[in-house]
Protein backbone atom coordinates (compact mmCIF):
# COMPACT_ATOMS: atom_id res chain seq x y z
CA MET A 1 104.55 38.24 74.20
CA ILE A 2 106.51 41.05 73.49
CA PHE A 3 108.26 40.84 76.53
CA GLU A 4 109.82 36.89 75.26
CA LYS A 5 112.54 35.91 77.90
CA ARG A 6 112.58 35.40 81.32
CA THR A 7 115.28 38.61 82.23
CA GLU A 8 113.05 40.81 80.92
CA ARG A 9 110.19 40.40 82.14
CA ILE A 10 111.58 40.19 86.14
CA VAL A 11 113.83 43.14 85.51
CA LEU A 12 110.91 45.32 83.73
CA ALA A 13 108.46 44.19 86.82
CA PHE A 14 111.55 45.15 89.28
CA PHE A 15 111.73 48.51 87.88
CA PHE A 16 108.24 49.17 86.97
CA ILE A 17 107.04 48.96 90.77
CA ILE A 18 109.85 50.21 92.19
CA ALA A 19 109.84 53.50 89.84
CA LEU A 20 106.25 53.35 90.69
CA CYS A 21 107.14 54.09 94.81
CA ILE A 22 109.49 56.45 94.16
CA PRO A 23 107.85 59.73 94.07
CA LEU A 24 105.75 58.11 97.30
CA PHE A 25 108.50 58.01 99.83
CA LEU A 26 110.71 61.00 97.82
CA GLU A 27 107.91 63.17 98.12
CA ALA A 28 109.40 65.54 100.67
CA ASN A 29 113.03 65.62 98.71
CA SER A 30 112.15 67.04 94.95
CA PHE A 31 116.05 67.11 93.98
CA PHE A 32 116.11 63.22 93.71
CA VAL A 33 112.06 63.60 92.15
CA GLY A 34 113.71 65.45 89.42
CA LYS A 35 116.51 63.01 89.32
CA THR A 36 115.19 60.32 88.46
CA THR A 37 112.52 62.34 86.27
CA THR A 38 115.88 63.18 84.07
CA ILE A 39 116.49 59.57 84.31
CA LEU A 40 113.54 58.11 82.99
CA ILE A 41 113.79 60.28 80.23
CA LEU A 42 117.00 59.77 79.29
CA SER A 43 116.06 56.21 79.28
CA VAL A 44 113.92 57.29 76.38
CA PHE A 45 116.62 58.90 74.32
CA VAL A 46 118.84 55.96 74.76
CA MET A 47 115.65 53.41 73.58
CA SER A 48 115.72 55.25 70.51
CA LEU A 49 119.35 55.02 69.98
CA ASP A 50 119.75 51.45 71.31
CA PHE A 51 116.86 50.60 68.22
CA LEU A 52 118.89 52.10 65.49
CA VAL A 53 122.10 51.03 66.61
CA GLY A 54 121.77 47.68 68.36
CA ARG A 55 118.11 46.30 66.01
CA VAL A 56 118.53 48.35 62.78
CA GLY A 57 122.42 48.78 62.32
CA LEU A 58 122.28 52.19 62.19
CA VAL A 59 125.63 53.84 64.17
CA THR A 60 124.63 57.61 64.47
CA LEU A 61 126.24 60.32 66.42
CA GLY A 62 124.01 62.87 65.16
CA HIS A 63 121.29 61.24 66.97
CA ALA A 64 121.54 64.57 69.65
CA LEU A 65 120.08 67.21 66.22
CA PHE A 66 116.38 65.45 67.22
CA TYR A 67 116.65 65.60 70.74
CA GLY A 68 117.50 69.36 70.71
CA LEU A 69 114.94 69.72 67.91
CA GLY A 70 112.14 68.40 70.16
CA GLY A 71 113.27 71.13 72.31
CA TYR A 72 113.43 73.75 70.38
CA LEU A 73 110.30 73.39 68.39
CA PHE A 74 108.04 73.87 71.71
CA VAL A 75 109.45 77.06 72.10
CA LEU A 76 109.16 78.43 68.55
CA LEU A 77 105.99 76.88 68.03
CA THR A 78 104.34 77.68 71.43
CA PRO A 79 102.77 81.72 72.41
CA GLU A 80 106.03 82.90 75.12
CA TYR A 81 103.13 83.51 77.97
CA GLU A 82 100.21 80.76 76.89
CA ALA A 83 99.78 77.41 78.11
CA VAL A 84 99.29 75.34 75.40
CA ASN A 85 97.84 71.43 75.32
CA PHE A 86 100.77 69.34 76.05
CA TRP A 87 99.36 66.16 73.50
CA VAL A 88 98.52 68.89 70.86
CA TYR A 89 101.56 69.73 70.64
CA ALA A 90 103.64 66.96 70.65
CA ILE A 91 101.80 65.53 68.37
CA TYR A 92 103.22 68.72 66.22
CA ILE A 93 106.63 68.49 66.98
CA MET A 94 107.01 64.59 66.91
CA GLY A 95 104.93 65.44 62.96
CA ILE A 96 107.69 67.45 62.26
CA SER A 97 110.47 65.59 63.57
CA ALA A 98 109.39 63.09 61.82
CA LEU A 99 109.75 65.20 58.67
CA VAL A 100 113.32 66.42 59.10
CA ALA A 101 114.21 62.54 59.59
CA LEU A 102 112.85 62.32 56.36
CA VAL A 103 114.84 64.68 54.67
CA VAL A 104 118.29 63.81 56.76
CA GLY A 105 117.26 59.88 56.58
CA VAL A 106 116.91 60.64 52.50
CA VAL A 107 120.60 62.41 52.23
CA ALA A 108 122.87 59.86 54.96
CA LEU A 109 121.01 56.38 53.98
CA ARG A 110 122.57 56.44 50.74
CA THR A 111 125.79 55.51 53.25
CA SER A 112 126.44 53.51 55.60
CA GLY A 113 128.45 52.07 58.17
CA ILE A 114 131.62 55.02 58.85
CA TYR A 115 130.00 57.60 56.43
CA PHE A 116 126.30 57.12 58.00
CA ILE A 117 128.26 58.48 60.78
CA MET A 118 130.26 60.98 59.47
CA ILE A 119 127.60 61.80 57.78
CA THR A 120 124.54 62.15 60.65
CA LEU A 121 127.74 63.69 62.72
CA ALA A 122 128.05 66.36 60.51
CA ILE A 123 124.82 66.86 59.63
CA SER A 124 124.39 67.53 63.69
CA GLN A 125 127.45 69.78 64.21
CA MET A 126 125.86 72.32 61.05
CA VAL A 127 122.25 72.56 63.03
CA TYR A 128 124.31 72.71 66.16
CA TYR A 129 126.52 75.67 65.37
CA PHE A 130 123.18 77.32 63.19
CA PHE A 131 121.45 77.54 66.50
CA PHE A 132 124.63 78.49 68.61
CA ASP A 133 125.54 81.50 66.76
CA SER A 134 121.58 82.52 65.75
CA LEU A 135 121.03 85.40 67.80
CA GLU A 136 117.41 85.14 67.20
CA PHE A 137 117.34 81.53 68.57
CA GLY A 138 119.25 82.60 71.69
CA GLY A 139 122.63 81.99 70.86
CA ASP A 140 124.80 79.92 73.69
CA ASP A 141 122.76 80.85 76.49
CA GLY A 142 119.64 79.49 74.03
CA LEU A 143 116.05 79.75 74.92
CA PHE A 144 113.40 79.62 78.04
CA ILE A 145 109.82 77.92 78.60
CA PHE A 146 108.07 79.99 81.07
CA MET A 147 104.74 78.38 80.91
CA LYS A 148 104.54 74.79 81.04
CA PRO A 149 101.85 73.27 79.40
CA GLU A 150 98.51 71.81 80.48
CA THR A 151 97.36 67.83 80.04
CA SER A 152 93.97 67.93 79.46
CA ILE A 153 91.92 65.34 77.99
CA PHE A 154 88.19 66.46 76.27
CA GLY A 155 88.62 68.78 79.08
CA LEU A 156 89.58 66.68 82.26
CA SER A 157 93.05 67.43 83.95
CA PHE A 158 95.18 64.13 85.76
CA LEU A 159 98.79 65.67 85.76
CA ASP A 160 99.96 69.27 86.62
CA LEU A 161 103.53 69.63 84.81
CA ASP A 162 104.91 72.58 87.79
CA ASN A 163 104.37 69.42 90.46
CA PRO A 164 107.72 67.71 90.00
CA ALA A 165 105.73 64.18 90.85
CA HIS A 166 103.00 64.27 88.74
CA PHE A 167 106.10 65.29 85.76
CA TYR A 168 107.58 62.25 86.63
CA TYR A 169 104.80 60.44 85.80
CA LEU A 170 104.17 61.44 82.81
CA ALA A 171 108.22 60.87 81.82
CA LEU A 172 107.59 57.23 83.57
CA LEU A 173 104.91 56.70 81.30
CA ALA A 174 106.63 57.86 78.04
CA VAL A 175 109.41 54.98 79.32
CA LEU A 176 106.76 52.29 78.88
CA ILE A 177 104.82 53.55 75.73
CA THR A 178 108.09 53.53 74.11
CA LEU A 179 109.56 50.18 75.51
CA VAL A 180 106.13 49.18 74.75
CA ALA A 181 105.98 50.50 71.00
CA ILE A 182 109.23 49.06 69.93
CA LYS A 183 108.37 45.79 70.90
CA ILE A 184 106.11 45.65 68.84
CA ILE A 185 107.42 46.96 65.45
CA LEU A 186 110.45 44.43 66.50
CA HIS A 187 107.77 41.87 66.90
CA SER A 188 105.70 42.94 63.95
CA ARG A 189 106.88 41.44 59.91
CA PHE A 190 108.47 45.27 59.67
CA GLY A 191 110.37 44.31 62.83
CA ARG A 192 111.37 40.89 60.85
CA ILE A 193 112.32 42.24 58.24
CA VAL A 194 114.50 44.97 59.61
CA GLU A 195 116.50 42.94 61.60
CA ALA A 196 117.22 40.92 58.33
CA SER A 197 118.38 43.44 56.58
CA ARG A 198 120.60 44.09 59.21
CA LEU A 199 121.84 40.62 59.67
CA ASN A 200 122.02 39.82 56.22
CA PRO A 201 121.45 42.67 53.45
CA GLU A 202 121.95 41.20 50.46
CA ARG A 203 119.60 37.94 51.00
CA THR A 204 117.16 40.04 52.17
CA GLU A 205 117.73 42.53 49.21
CA ALA A 206 117.46 39.46 47.30
CA LEU A 207 113.65 38.28 48.57
CA GLY A 208 112.93 41.49 47.14
CA TYR A 209 112.86 43.71 50.05
CA ASN A 210 113.22 47.46 50.05
CA ILE A 211 115.62 47.86 52.27
CA PHE A 212 116.55 51.35 51.84
CA ALA A 213 112.56 52.33 52.38
CA PHE A 214 112.39 49.70 56.03
CA ARG A 215 115.55 51.74 57.12
CA LEU A 216 113.83 54.75 55.90
CA ILE A 217 111.37 53.99 57.82
CA SER A 218 113.12 52.80 61.40
CA TYR A 219 116.00 55.98 60.86
CA ILE A 220 112.15 58.10 61.02
CA ILE A 221 110.59 56.22 64.09
CA GLY A 222 113.78 56.28 66.06
CA SER A 223 114.29 60.22 65.40
CA THR A 224 110.76 61.07 66.69
CA LEU A 225 110.88 58.78 69.93
CA ALA A 226 113.89 60.90 70.98
CA ALA A 227 112.20 64.38 69.52
CA TYR A 228 109.83 63.22 72.50
CA ALA A 229 112.42 62.57 75.00
CA GLY A 230 114.08 65.92 74.20
CA LEU A 231 110.36 67.62 73.99
CA LEU A 232 110.47 66.48 77.83
CA PHE A 233 113.85 67.28 78.82
CA ALA A 234 113.47 70.63 77.90
CA LEU A 235 109.79 70.71 80.01
CA GLN A 236 112.23 69.89 82.79
CA TYR A 237 113.86 72.37 82.80
CA GLY A 238 112.13 75.37 81.76
CA TYR A 239 115.12 75.53 78.73
CA VAL A 240 116.77 74.37 75.62
CA ASN A 241 120.22 75.89 74.43
CA PRO A 242 122.55 74.24 71.74
CA GLN A 243 124.09 71.51 73.86
CA PHE A 244 121.40 69.47 73.14
CA LEU A 245 122.33 68.88 69.84
CA THR A 246 126.21 68.40 70.84
CA TRP A 247 127.73 65.32 69.00
CA GLU A 248 128.59 64.41 72.46
CA MET A 249 125.04 63.98 73.69
CA SER A 250 124.81 61.21 70.96
CA GLY A 251 128.10 59.86 72.42
CA THR A 252 126.93 59.27 75.68
CA ALA A 253 123.54 57.88 74.81
CA LEU A 254 126.14 55.31 72.86
CA VAL A 255 128.20 54.37 76.11
CA MET A 256 124.47 53.97 77.87
CA SER A 257 123.22 51.75 75.36
CA ILE A 258 126.67 49.79 75.20
CA LEU A 259 126.82 49.44 79.00
CA GLY A 260 123.40 48.24 79.64
CA GLY A 261 123.02 45.73 76.65
CA MET A 262 123.04 46.46 72.40
CA GLY A 263 119.80 45.75 70.65
CA THR A 264 117.63 44.40 74.17
CA ILE A 265 115.92 48.04 74.38
CA TYR A 266 115.10 47.32 78.31
CA GLY A 267 118.97 47.56 78.13
CA ALA A 268 119.21 51.14 77.60
CA ILE A 269 117.29 51.58 81.03
CA LEU A 270 119.72 49.95 82.91
CA GLY A 271 122.19 51.36 81.41
CA THR A 272 120.77 55.33 81.49
CA ILE A 273 120.36 54.41 85.51
CA THR A 274 123.93 52.59 86.06
CA TYR A 275 125.78 55.19 83.98
CA GLU A 276 123.81 58.18 85.65
CA GLY A 277 124.08 57.12 89.02
CA LEU A 278 128.26 56.52 88.64
CA LEU A 279 127.76 60.18 87.09
CA PHE A 280 126.31 61.27 90.20
CA ILE A 281 128.11 59.30 92.93
CA PHE A 282 131.76 60.62 91.33
CA GLU A 283 130.45 64.04 90.97
CA HIS A 284 130.26 64.49 94.94
CA MET A 285 133.15 61.31 95.70
CA SER A 286 136.04 63.29 94.17
CA ASP A 287 137.28 66.53 91.88
CA ASP A 288 138.47 64.22 89.66
CA TRP A 289 135.31 62.55 88.77
CA MET A 290 136.19 62.14 85.18
CA LEU A 291 139.56 60.02 85.31
CA PHE A 292 136.71 57.53 88.13
CA MET A 293 134.18 57.39 85.29
CA GLY A 294 135.76 56.60 82.58
CA GLY A 295 137.54 53.61 84.59
CA ALA A 296 134.39 52.24 85.58
CA ILE A 297 133.18 52.08 82.12
CA ILE A 298 136.45 50.49 80.44
CA LEU A 299 135.80 47.91 83.18
CA MET A 300 132.18 47.37 82.95
CA VAL A 301 133.17 46.86 79.04
CA LEU A 302 135.93 44.64 79.60
CA LEU A 303 134.27 42.90 82.58
CA LEU A 304 130.24 42.30 80.98
CA ARG A 305 130.89 42.18 76.40
CA LYS A 306 127.02 42.10 76.40
CA GLY A 307 126.17 45.05 78.63
CA LEU A 308 124.04 44.50 81.85
CA ALA A 309 121.17 43.18 80.59
CA GLY A 310 123.51 39.96 78.84
CA TYR A 311 125.00 39.38 82.07
CA LEU A 312 121.30 39.32 83.57
CA GLU A 313 120.02 36.76 81.25
CA LYS A 314 123.09 34.42 81.74
CA LEU A 315 122.43 34.58 84.93
CA LEU A 316 118.68 34.39 85.13
CA GLU A 317 117.83 32.32 81.54
CA LYS A 318 119.81 29.18 83.26
C-alpha cells in the first residue's frame, strides 16, 4: 500500500471527497472555483518541491525556473490562434523541461548544501532576467495565451478548458496523478536508494550505488512536475510572465512545504491550502496583511515543528 499511514489515508480521503464537490456547490461563484483551482495547481508545484527537498535532500531556490518554463514553452511551441491538443503538448513541454533539468542538474549536482542552493538560484535568476529583458518574449509584461487547448483523446473530449469547472477537475486530476506518482516512486527500489542517499550518502555509495545518477534522475522528475504545474497555471490565467520564474516563487513554495510537513508529500497540499487561505483572509482584512501573514507563519513554524501533517499524525496515529 503506497499510503501506509492511517492519517495520510484519512486526510486524503476527506480532501478528495470535498474537492470533488466544490464545483457542484460553487458553480455560480466562478471566483472561488478559480481560486481553488489555483490552490490545486500550486499543490502540484509544492509537492514536486517537497519531493526534492524532503525526500531527496536537494534544497533549491531555483525550482520556479521550471514552473515558469512550463508556461513559456507552451506559448512558444503552439500556434497563436489555433487550439492544439493539451495532452500532446503537455508531453512535449515535460520532455523539453526534463532535458533542461538534465543540463542544470549535471552542473548543480556537482555541489551540495548551500552551494547547490546558490547555483540553482543563480541559474534561475539568469533565466528570469533573460525573459525580463527580451522584448521578443514580451519583456516584463510576458506573453498571452489566446486559445486554450482542446483535450480530446482518440476523438473523444470530456473537458472544455474554457469552462472553469472543467479546468478545476483537470487540476484536481493533476494533483491525484502527481501524488500517486511520487508515492509509487518513493515505495520503489529507486525511492529507497534515494532516501538512503539522503540519510547516509557515504554508506549508500560504499554499497556501490551511483548517488549522483539517482539524485540527477530525482531532480529531473521533480523539475518536470513543476513544469507541468506552470503549464496549468499559465493556461488558467491566459498569460505567462517573468514573475513565474522569480526566487520568491520558489521561496513561497518552500514555506508551503514546511508548513505542511517537509517530506510527507500530502502535507504539501495542506501547506498550500493553509498558506493561500491565510493570504486571502489577511489581504481582505487589513492593508498591513504582510505583517499578519509573517506573524502567522512564524507562529505556526514554532508551534508545529513537523508541520500540519506531523501534528495530525501525532493526533490520529494514537
